[in-house]
Amino acid sequence: MVIDTEGPVVIIGESINPTRRKKLVETLSRNDFSFAIDLARAQIETGADVLDVNVGFPGVDDESLMPLTVQAIQEAVDIPLCLDSPNPKAIEAALKVAEGKALINSVNGEERSLEAILPIAREYKAAVIGLVMDESGITQDPEKRFSIAERILNRAIQGGIPQEDVIIDPLAMAVSADPNACLVTLETIKLVHDRLGLNITQGASNISFGLPNRVELNNAHMAISIWNGLTCPIANPAKITAFVRAIDLIRGRDDFAMRFTDFFHQMEALKDTEK
């Protein structure tokens, strides 16, 4: 799987995450990976290109559980993985068993984060997501967010990580809490795209917390984000893939509408098998 600023949008499936998924917490707590595998397969069927894997919940030994989960998923499906944990030791443990090239979620502009994560990414030849926050927290100034992105990129390159292996997360925040939240994120995306030429990710549903009609609101934000340079959103593929295929077609990233039509044929076939 190639994430490319000039290519079609790559969807990173978000569903293997215990947040608000009681069943995933319960099953992972007893080293039962069947539900995680079910989530993996469901996301692949609905259009995921990469799977985010997060096993964080209160009391978890993620340094042990993360590699076990990665191994179980890899035995069941063949798809690139995004290893999602705030614990560098859990990330490294997962990288030791990950097949192919993994993506780390994430590093940020704090010195301790840069020193902990970047050497691991280099050692295991992993790509890395950089969050535009640092010791001062999350700024609402797009130029300052850009400066953090630039710092992460420069430190990555200095540490032997190729530029193409750095993906920036501009931090999408809830527009219900701040009317300018989306504008700040969109401007950050544009700055990173125009000045650094990097791939860009973000949580596709982050902006709509607390509001009705979340899918429509998320898709409106995604459309503008993709136009400004977003390349690999982290999302529920069941809710975003049809929309993304349509945008890629409109942007001239889908010759003869092949991916657009193939996806809808796959969805029709999936519906038939469920009857």
C-alpha atoms as a PDB file:
ATOM      1  CA  MET A   1       0.000   0.000   0.000  1.00  0.00           C
ATOM      2  CA  VAL A   2       1.460   3.341  -1.094  1.00  0.00           C
ATOM      3  CA  ILE A   3       0.333   6.576   0.531  1.00  0.00           C
ATOM      4  CA  ASP A   4       1.055   9.242  -2.057  1.00  0.00           C
ATOM      5  CA  THR A   5       0.248  12.949  -2.179  1.00  0.00           C
ATOM      6  CA  GLU A   6      -0.602  12.552  -5.871  1.00  0.00           C
ATOM      7  CA  GLY A   7      -2.533   9.304  -5.566  1.00  0.00           C
ATOM      8  CA  PRO A   8      -5.982   8.268  -4.371  1.00  0.00           C
ATOM      9  CA  VAL A   9      -6.981   8.676  -0.740  1.00  0.00           C
ATOM     10  CA  VAL A  10      -5.868   5.839   1.541  1.00  0.00           C
ATOM     11  CA  ILE A  11      -8.307   4.922   4.323  1.00  0.00           C
ATOM     12  CA  ILE A  12      -6.903   3.897   7.702  1.00  0.00           C
ATOM     13  CA  GLY A  13      -9.602   1.910   9.498  1.00  0.00           C
ATOM     14  CA  GLU A  14     -10.192   3.145  13.055  1.00  0.00           C
ATOM     15  CA  SER A  15     -12.368   0.428  14.587  1.00  0.00           C
ATOM     16  CA  ILE A  16      -9.810  -1.718  16.444  1.00  0.00           C
ATOM     17  CA  ASN A  17      -9.853   0.658  19.386  1.00  0.00           C
ATOM     18  CA  PRO A  18     -11.358  -0.145  22.818  1.00  0.00           C
ATOM     19  CA  THR A  19     -12.721   3.370  23.287  1.00  0.00           C
ATOM     20  CA  ARG A  20     -16.528   3.012  23.462  1.00  0.00           C
ATOM     21  CA  ARG A  21     -16.231  -0.676  22.482  1.00  0.00           C
ATOM     22  CA  LYS A  22     -16.998  -2.674  25.616  1.00  0.00           C
ATOM     23  CA  LYS A  23     -16.899  -5.989  23.774  1.00  0.00           C
ATOM     24  CA  LEU A  24     -13.372  -5.306  22.507  1.00  0.00           C
ATOM     25  CA  VAL A  25     -12.201  -4.510  26.038  1.00  0.00           C
ATOM     26  CA  GLU A  26     -13.815  -7.689  27.376  1.00  0.00           C
ATOM     27  CA  THR A  27     -12.358  -9.957  24.700  1.00  0.00           C
ATOM     28  CA  LEU A  28      -8.870  -8.455  24.672  1.00  0.00           C
ATOM     29  CA  SER A  29      -8.773  -8.657  28.481  1.00  0.00           C
ATOM     30  CA  ARG A  30      -8.793 -12.429  28.210  1.00  0.00           C
ATOM     31  CA  ASN A  31      -6.490 -12.572  25.167  1.00  0.00           C
ATOM     32  CA  ASP A  32      -9.405 -13.447  22.919  1.00  0.00           C
ATOM     33  CA  PHE A  33      -8.682 -11.858  19.544  1.00  0.00           C
ATOM     34  CA  SER A  34     -11.732 -13.111  17.655  1.00  0.00           C
ATOM     35  CA  PHE A  35     -13.649  -9.825  17.890  1.00  0.00           C
ATOM     36  CA  ALA A  36     -10.591  -7.808  16.863  1.00  0.00           C
ATOM     37  CA  ILE A  37     -10.265 -10.069  13.826  1.00  0.00           C
ATOM     38  CA  ASP A  38     -13.972  -9.634  13.046  1.00  0.00           C
ATOM     39  CA  LEU A  39     -13.463  -5.863  13.135  1.00  0.00           C
ATOM     40  CA  ALA A  40     -10.444  -6.199  10.867  1.00  0.00           C
ATOM     41  CA  ARG A  41     -12.329  -8.236   8.280  1.00  0.00           C
ATOM     42  CA  ALA A  42     -15.377  -5.968   8.365  1.00  0.00           C
ATOM     43  CA  GLN A  43     -13.229  -2.911   7.740  1.00  0.00           C
ATOM     44  CA  ILE A  44     -11.367  -4.531   4.865  1.00  0.00           C
ATOM     45  CA  GLU A  45     -14.675  -5.552   3.274  1.00  0.00           C
ATOM     46  CA  THR A  46     -15.904  -1.950   3.431  1.00  0.00           C
ATOM     47  CA  GLY A  47     -12.782  -0.347   2.005  1.00  0.00           C
ATOM     48  CA  ALA A  48      -9.986  -0.011   4.586  1.00  0.00           C
ATOM     49  CA  ASP A  49      -6.485   0.068   3.083  1.00  0.00           C
ATOM     50  CA  VAL A  50      -4.633   0.092   6.422  1.00  0.00           C
ATOM     51  CA  LEU A  51      -5.825  -0.914   9.915  1.00  0.00           C
ATOM     52  CA  ASP A  52      -5.135   1.145  13.012  1.00  0.00           C
ATOM     53  CA  VAL A  53      -4.544  -1.161  16.003  1.00  0.00           C
ATOM     54  CA  ASN A  54      -5.072   0.294  19.469  1.00  0.00           C
ATOM     55  CA  VAL A  55      -5.399  -1.902  22.573  1.00  0.00           C
ATOM     56  CA  GLY A  56      -5.401   0.822  25.217  1.00  0.00           C
ATOM     57  CA  PHE A  57      -7.832   0.562  28.128  1.00  0.00           C
ATOM     58  CA  PRO A  58      -7.466   1.017  31.915  1.00  0.00           C
ATOM     59  CA  GLY A  59      -5.213  -1.554  33.538  1.00  0.00           C
ATOM     60  CA  VAL A  60      -3.947  -3.069  30.290  1.00  0.00           C
ATOM     61  CA  ASP A  61      -0.381  -4.335  29.877  1.00  0.00           C
ATOM     62  CA  ASP A  62      -0.158  -3.006  26.335  1.00  0.00           C
ATOM     63  CA  GLU A  63       3.514  -3.949  25.995  1.00  0.00           C
ATOM     64  CA  SER A  64       2.354  -7.560  26.125  1.00  0.00           C
ATOM     65  CA  LEU A  65      -1.084  -7.262  24.511  1.00  0.00           C
ATOM     66  CA  MET A  66      -0.150  -5.119  21.505  1.00  0.00           C
ATOM     67  CA  PRO A  67       2.226  -7.645  19.859  1.00  0.00           C
ATOM     68  CA  LEU A  68      -0.180 -10.516  20.579  1.00  0.00           C
ATOM     69  CA  THR A  69      -3.010  -8.590  18.906  1.00  0.00           C
ATOM     70  CA  VAL A  70      -0.831  -7.699  15.928  1.00  0.00           C
ATOM     71  CA  GLN A  71       0.175 -11.335  15.460  1.00  0.00           C
ATOM     72  CA  ALA A  72      -3.428 -12.537  15.646  1.00  0.00           C
ATOM     73  CA  ILE A  73      -4.609  -9.988  13.078  1.00  0.00           C
ATOM     74  CA  GLN A  74      -1.721 -10.744  10.729  1.00  0.00           C
ATOM     75  CA  GLU A  75      -2.505 -14.453  10.838  1.00  0.00           C
ATOM     76  CA  ALA A  76      -6.094 -13.732   9.798  1.00  0.00           C
ATOM     77  CA  VAL A  77      -5.743 -10.934   7.207  1.00  0.00           C
ATOM     78  CA  ASP A  78      -3.111  -9.479   4.891  1.00  0.00           C
ATOM     79  CA  ILE A  79      -3.143  -5.692   5.272  1.00  0.00           C
ATOM     80  CA  PRO A  80      -0.681  -3.017   6.502  1.00  0.00           C
ATOM     81  CA  LEU A  81      -1.034  -1.984  10.143  1.00  0.00           C
ATOM     82  CA  CYS A  82      -0.889   1.339  11.954  1.00  0.00           C
ATOM     83  CA  LEU A  83       0.367   0.728  15.509  1.00  0.00           C
ATOM     84  CA  ASP A  84      -1.442   3.117  17.833  1.00  0.00           C
ATOM     85  CA  SER A  85      -0.207   3.616  21.397  1.00  0.00           C
ATOM     86  CA  PRO A  86       1.202   6.399  23.604  1.00  0.00           C
ATOM     87  CA  ASN A  87       3.601   3.807  25.065  1.00  0.00           C
ATOM     88  CA  PRO A  88       6.898   3.583  23.101  1.00  0.00           C
ATOM     89  CA  LYS A  89       7.616   0.164  24.634  1.00  0.00           C
ATOM     90  CA  ALA A  90       4.319  -1.201  23.327  1.00  0.00           C
ATOM     91  CA  ILE A  91       5.063   0.260  19.893  1.00  0.00           C
ATOM     92  CA  GLU A  92       8.491  -1.357  19.802  1.00  0.00           C
ATOM     93  CA  ALA A  93       7.123  -4.700  20.996  1.00  0.00           C
ATOM     94  CA  ALA A  94       4.562  -4.626  18.186  1.00  0.00           C
ATOM     95  CA  LEU A  95       7.152  -3.610  15.587  1.00  0.00           C
ATOM     96  CA  LYS A  96       9.208  -6.674  16.477  1.00  0.00           C
ATOM     97  CA  VAL A  97       6.421  -8.944  15.242  1.00  0.00           C
ATOM     98  CA  ALA A  98       4.869  -6.709  12.555  1.00  0.00           C
ATOM     99  CA  GLU A  99       5.207  -7.970   9.006  1.00  0.00           C
ATOM    100  CA  GLY A 100       6.156  -5.594   6.212  1.00  0.00           C
ATOM    101  CA  LYS A 101       6.311  -1.840   6.767  1.00  0.00           C
ATOM    102  CA  ALA A 102       4.264  -0.535   9.680  1.00  0.00           C
ATOM    103  CA  LEU A 103       3.008   2.945  10.496  1.00  0.00           C
ATOM    104  CA  ILE A 104       3.495   4.349  14.021  1.00  0.00           C
ATOM    105  CA  ASN A 105       0.706   6.417  15.563  1.00  0.00           C
ATOM    106  CA  SER A 106       2.322   8.622  16.795  1.00  0.00           C
ATOM    107  CA  VAL A 107       5.096  11.055  17.671  1.00  0.00           C
ATOM    108  CA  ASN A 108       4.630  14.717  18.586  1.00  0.00           C
ATOM    109  CA  GLY A 109       6.784  17.815  18.940  1.00  0.00           C
ATOM    110  CA  GLU A 110       7.690  17.215  22.591  1.00  0.00           C
ATOM    111  CA  GLU A 111      11.378  16.444  23.029  1.00  0.00           C
ATOM    112  CA  ARG A 112      10.713  13.293  25.049  1.00  0.00           C
ATOM    113  CA  SER A 113       8.379  11.988  22.344  1.00  0.00           C
ATOM    114  CA  LEU A 114      10.867  12.714  19.554  1.00  0.00           C
ATOM    115  CA  GLU A 115      13.661  10.998  21.482  1.00  0.00           C
ATOM    116  CA  ALA A 116      11.508   7.967  22.289  1.00  0.00           C
ATOM    117  CA  ILE A 117       9.762   7.305  18.983  1.00  0.00           C
ATOM    118  CA  LEU A 118      12.022   8.410  16.127  1.00  0.00           C
ATOM    119  CA  PRO A 119      14.889   5.993  16.895  1.00  0.00           C
ATOM    120  CA  ILE A 120      12.373   3.134  17.012  1.00  0.00           C
ATOM    121  CA  ALA A 121      10.903   4.177  13.655  1.00  0.00           C
ATOM    122  CA  ARG A 122      14.372   4.300  12.124  1.00  0.00           C
ATOM    123  CA  GLU A 123      15.438   0.940  13.560  1.00  0.00           C
ATOM    124  CA  TYR A 124      12.364  -0.882  12.250  1.00  0.00           C
ATOM    125  CA  LYS A 125      12.064   1.187   9.042  1.00  0.00           C
ATOM    126  CA  ALA A 126       8.547   2.238   9.997  1.00  0.00           C
ATOM    127  CA  ALA A 127       6.658   5.297   8.825  1.00  0.00           C
ATOM    128  CA  VAL A 128       5.450   7.668  11.518  1.00  0.00           C
ATOM    129  CA  ILE A 129       2.539  10.037  12.129  1.00  0.00           C
ATOM    130  CA  GLY A 130       3.524  13.386  13.646  1.00  0.00           C
ATOM    131  CA  LEU A 131       0.979  15.241  15.790  1.00  0.00           C
ATOM    132  CA  VAL A 132       1.290  19.030  15.694  1.00  0.00           C
ATOM    133  CA  MET A 133       1.440  19.534  19.453  1.00  0.00           C
ATOM    134  CA  ASP A 134       4.358  20.022  21.838  1.00  0.00           C
ATOM    135  CA  GLU A 135       5.218  20.897  25.438  1.00  0.00           C
ATOM    136  CA  SER A 136       2.929  23.927  25.199  1.00  0.00           C
ATOM    137  CA  GLY A 137      -0.080  21.815  24.266  1.00  0.00           C
ATOM    138  CA  ILE A 138      -2.270  22.388  21.200  1.00  0.00           C
ATOM    139  CA  THR A 139      -2.012  25.823  19.644  1.00  0.00           C
ATOM    140  CA  GLN A 140      -4.860  27.434  17.708  1.00  0.00           C
ATOM    141  CA  ASP A 141      -2.399  29.225  15.403  1.00  0.00           C
ATOM    142  CA  PRO A 142      -1.990  27.361  12.066  1.00  0.00           C
ATOM    143  CA  GLU A 143       1.498  28.808  11.571  1.00  0.00           C
ATOM    144  CA  LYS A 144       2.599  27.444  14.941  1.00  0.00           C
ATOM    145  CA  ARG A 145       1.086  24.058  14.141  1.00  0.00           C
ATOM    146  CA  PHE A 146       3.016  24.149  10.876  1.00  0.00           C
ATOM    147  CA  SER A 147       6.234  24.974  12.741  1.00  0.00           C
ATOM    148  CA  ILE A 148       5.768  21.885  14.900  1.00  0.00           C
ATOM    149  CA  ALA A 149       5.198  19.760  11.787  1.00  0.00           C
ATOM    150  CA  GLU A 150       8.382  21.178  10.285  1.00  0.00           C
ATOM    151  CA  ARG A 151      10.319  20.440  13.491  1.00  0.00           C
ATOM    152  CA  ILE A 152       9.103  16.828  13.507  1.00  0.00           C
ATOM    153  CA  LEU A 153      10.086  16.427   9.850  1.00  0.00           C
ATOM    154  CA  ASN A 154      13.539  17.918  10.367  1.00  0.00           C
ATOM    155  CA  ARG A 155      14.231  15.744  13.401  1.00  0.00           C
ATOM    156  CA  ALA A 156      13.039  12.670  11.528  1.00  0.00           C
ATOM    157  CA  ILE A 157      15.330  13.392   8.574  1.00  0.00           C
ATOM    158  CA  GLN A 158      18.257  14.100  10.921  1.00  0.00           C
ATOM    159  CA  GLY A 159      17.556  10.755  12.568  1.00  0.00           C
ATOM    160  CA  GLY A 160      17.724   8.848   9.290  1.00  0.00           C
ATOM    161  CA  ILE A 161      14.010   8.604   8.493  1.00  0.00           C
ATOM    162  CA  PRO A 162      13.115   9.466   4.879  1.00  0.00           C
ATOM    163  CA  GLN A 163      10.785  12.397   4.309  1.00  0.00           C
ATOM    164  CA  GLU A 164       8.253  10.159   2.593  1.00  0.00           C
ATOM    165  CA  ASP A 165       7.929   8.160   5.825  1.00  0.00           C
ATOM    166  CA  VAL A 166       6.613  11.168   7.766  1.00  0.00           C
ATOM    167  CA  ILE A 167       2.854  11.795   7.835  1.00  0.00           C
ATOM    168  CA  ILE A 168       1.465  14.851   9.613  1.00  0.00           C
ATOM    169  CA  ASP A 169      -1.715  14.945  11.705  1.00  0.00           C
ATOM    170  CA  PRO A 170      -2.927  18.587  11.871  1.00  0.00           C
ATOM    171  CA  LEU A 171      -5.204  17.770  14.832  1.00  0.00           C
ATOM    172  CA  ALA A 172      -8.879  18.015  13.949  1.00  0.00           C
ATOM    173  CA  MET A 173     -10.822  19.293  16.970  1.00  0.00           C
ATOM    174  CA  ALA A 174     -14.516  19.482  17.814  1.00  0.00           C
ATOM    175  CA  VAL A 175     -16.221  22.395  16.088  1.00  0.00           C
ATOM    176  CA  SER A 176     -18.945  22.292  18.746  1.00  0.00           C
ATOM    177  CA  ALA A 177     -16.364  23.479  21.288  1.00  0.00           C
ATOM    178  CA  ASP A 178     -14.646  26.037  19.045  1.00  0.00           C
ATOM    179  CA  PRO A 179     -16.298  27.608  15.970  1.00  0.00           C
ATOM    180  CA  ASN A 180     -12.855  28.122  14.403  1.00  0.00           C
ATOM    181  CA  ALA A 181     -11.575  24.601  15.048  1.00  0.00           C
ATOM    182  CA  CYS A 182     -12.082  23.351  11.492  1.00  0.00           C
ATOM    183  CA  LEU A 183     -10.647  26.519   9.963  1.00  0.00           C
ATOM    184  CA  VAL A 184      -7.449  26.115  11.988  1.00  0.00           C
ATOM    185  CA  THR A 185      -7.100  22.479  10.929  1.00  0.00           C
ATOM    186  CA  LEU A 186      -7.822  23.204   7.272  1.00  0.00           C
ATOM    187  CA  GLU A 187      -5.289  26.020   7.158  1.00  0.00           C
ATOM    188  CA  THR A 188      -2.702  23.753   8.805  1.00  0.00           C
ATOM    189  CA  ILE A 189      -3.354  21.086   6.174  1.00  0.00           C
ATOM    190  CA  LYS A 190      -2.832  23.619   3.414  1.00  0.00           C
ATOM    191  CA  LEU A 191       0.405  24.925   4.936  1.00  0.00           C
ATOM    192  CA  VAL A 192       1.856  21.432   5.397  1.00  0.00           C
ATOM    193  CA  HIS A 193       0.816  20.394   1.898  1.00  0.00           C
ATOM    194  CA  ASP A 194       2.065  23.530   0.150  1.00  0.00           C
ATOM    195  CA  ARG A 195       5.319  24.051   2.044  1.00  0.00           C
ATOM    196  CA  LEU A 196       6.415  20.535   2.986  1.00  0.00           C
ATOM    197  CA  GLY A 197       4.634  18.301   0.463  1.00  0.00           C
ATOM    198  CA  LEU A 198       3.961  15.645   3.098  1.00  0.00           C
ATOM    199  CA  ASN A 199       1.175  13.122   3.414  1.00  0.00           C
ATOM    200  CA  ILE A 200      -1.485  14.184   5.909  1.00  0.00           C
ATOM    201  CA  THR A 201      -3.875  12.251   8.140  1.00  0.00           C
ATOM    202  CA  GLN A 202      -6.542  13.165  10.687  1.00  0.00           C
ATOM    203  CA  GLY A 203      -9.365  11.572  12.623  1.00  0.00           C
ATOM    204  CA  ALA A 204     -12.289  11.813  10.229  1.00  0.00           C
ATOM    205  CA  SER A 205     -14.911  12.086  12.980  1.00  0.00           C
ATOM    206  CA  ASN A 206     -13.090  14.292  15.487  1.00  0.00           C
ATOM    207  CA  ILE A 207     -14.735  17.536  14.418  1.00  0.00           C
ATOM    208  CA  SER A 208     -18.334  16.383  14.953  1.00  0.00           C
ATOM    209  CA  PHE A 209     -18.379  15.255  18.593  1.00  0.00           C
ATOM    210  CA  GLY A 210     -21.585  16.303  20.344  1.00  0.00           C
ATOM    211  CA  LEU A 211     -23.455  17.226  17.174  1.00  0.00           C
ATOM    212  CA  PRO A 212     -26.273  15.585  15.155  1.00  0.00           C
ATOM    213  CA  ASN A 213     -25.881  14.318  11.572  1.00  0.00           C
ATOM    214  CA  ARG A 214     -22.253  13.499  12.225  1.00  0.00           C
ATOM    215  CA  VAL A 215     -21.642  11.620   8.960  1.00  0.00           C
ATOM    216  CA  GLU A 216     -22.736  14.571   6.832  1.00  0.00           C
ATOM    217  CA  LEU A 217     -20.680  17.009   8.888  1.00  0.00           C
ATOM    218  CA  ASN A 218     -17.613  14.760   8.815  1.00  0.00           C
ATOM    219  CA  ASN A 219     -17.875  14.313   5.057  1.00  0.00           C
ATOM    220  CA  ALA A 220     -18.163  18.050   4.453  1.00  0.00           C
ATOM    221  CA  HIS A 221     -14.966  18.571   6.438  1.00  0.00           C
ATOM    222  CA  MET A 222     -13.278  15.637   4.688  1.00  0.00           C
ATOM    223  CA  ALA A 223     -14.087  17.033   1.253  1.00  0.00           C
ATOM    224  CA  ILE A 224     -12.395  20.343   1.996  1.00  0.00           C
ATOM    225  CA  SER A 225      -9.544  18.595   3.814  1.00  0.00           C
ATOM    226  CA  ILE A 226      -8.830  16.295   0.868  1.00  0.00           C
ATOM    227  CA  TRP A 227      -8.902  19.224  -1.523  1.00  0.00           C
ATOM    228  CA  ASN A 228      -6.322  20.996   0.649  1.00  0.00           C
ATOM    229  CA  GLY A 229      -4.023  17.981   0.939  1.00  0.00           C
ATOM    230  CA  LEU A 230      -5.392  15.265   3.246  1.00  0.00           C
ATOM    231  CA  THR A 231      -4.222  11.888   1.927  1.00  0.00           C
ATOM    232  CA  CYS A 232      -4.963   9.199   4.547  1.00  0.00           C
ATOM    233  CA  PRO A 233      -7.793   9.848   7.022  1.00  0.00           C
ATOM    234  CA  ILE A 234      -8.317   7.591  10.025  1.00  0.00           C
ATOM    235  CA  ALA A 235     -11.976   6.661   9.805  1.00  0.00           C
ATOM    236  CA  ASN A 236     -14.707   4.050   9.887  1.00  0.00           C
ATOM    237  CA  PRO A 237     -14.531   2.793   6.280  1.00  0.00           C
ATOM    238  CA  ALA A 238     -18.195   1.772   6.313  1.00  0.00           C
ATOM    239  CA  LYS A 239     -19.092   5.446   6.680  1.00  0.00           C
ATOM    240  CA  ILE A 240     -16.482   7.089   4.482  1.00  0.00           C
ATOM    241  CA  THR A 241     -15.341   4.809   1.637  1.00  0.00           C
ATOM    242  CA  ALA A 242     -18.182   5.547  -0.798  1.00  0.00           C
ATOM    243  CA  PHE A 243     -17.656   9.255  -0.224  1.00  0.00           C
ATOM    244  CA  VAL A 244     -13.883   8.966  -0.697  1.00  0.00           C
ATOM    245  CA  ARG A 245     -14.248   6.967  -3.908  1.00  0.00           C
ATOM    246  CA  ALA A 246     -16.531   9.701  -5.239  1.00  0.00           C
ATOM    247  CA  ILE A 247     -14.043  12.430  -4.355  1.00  0.00           C
ATOM    248  CA  ASP A 248     -11.150  10.538  -5.972  1.00  0.00           C
ATOM    249  CA  LEU A 249     -13.187  10.199  -9.140  1.00  0.00           C
ATOM    250  CA  ILE A 250     -14.027  13.909  -9.175  1.00  0.00           C
ATOM    251  CA  ARG A 251     -10.346  14.809  -8.573  1.00  0.00           C
ATOM    252  CA  GLY A 252      -9.156  12.746 -11.523  1.00  0.00           C
ATOM    253  CA  ARG A 253      -7.549  10.081  -9.300  1.00  0.00           C
ATOM    254  CA  ASP A 254      -9.606   7.188 -10.672  1.00  0.00           C
ATOM    255  CA  ASP A 255      -9.089   6.380 -14.351  1.00  0.00           C
ATOM    256  CA  PHE A 256     -12.338   5.457 -16.103  1.00  0.00           C
ATOM    257  CA  ALA A 257     -14.102   5.298 -12.700  1.00  0.00           C
ATOM    258  CA  MET A 258     -12.705   1.814 -12.109  1.00  0.00           C
ATOM    259  CA  ARG A 259     -12.234   2.056  -8.336  1.00  0.00           C
ATOM    260  CA  PHE A 260     -15.562   3.853  -7.941  1.00  0.00           C
ATOM    261  CA  THR A 261     -17.547   1.197  -9.781  1.00  0.00           C
ATOM    262  CA  ASP A 262     -15.565  -1.736  -8.357  1.00  0.00           C
ATOM    263  CA  PHE A 263     -16.323  -0.600  -4.828  1.00  0.00           C
ATOM    264  CA  PHE A 264     -20.066  -0.433  -5.439  1.00  0.00           C
ATOM    265  CA  HIS A 265     -20.045  -3.826  -7.127  1.00  0.00           C
ATOM    266  CA  GLN A 266     -18.254  -5.199  -4.045  1.00  0.00           C
ATOM    267  CA  MET A 267     -20.839  -3.635  -1.757  1.00  0.00           C
ATOM    268  CA  GLU A 268     -23.684  -5.136  -3.769  1.00  0.00           C
ATOM    269  CA  ALA A 269     -22.006  -8.547  -3.616  1.00  0.00           C
ATOM    270  CA  LEU A 270     -21.545  -8.145   0.143  1.00  0.00           C
ATOM    271  CA  LYS A 271     -25.239  -7.346   0.569  1.00  0.00           C
ATOM    272  CA  ASP A 272     -26.157 -10.455  -1.409  1.00  0.00           C
ATOM    273  CA  THR A 273     -24.022 -12.686   0.829  1.00  0.00           C
ATOM    274  CA  GLU A 274     -25.669 -11.217   3.931  1.00  0.00           C
ATOM    275  CA  LYS A 275     -29.204 -12.028   2.735  1.00  0.00           C
END
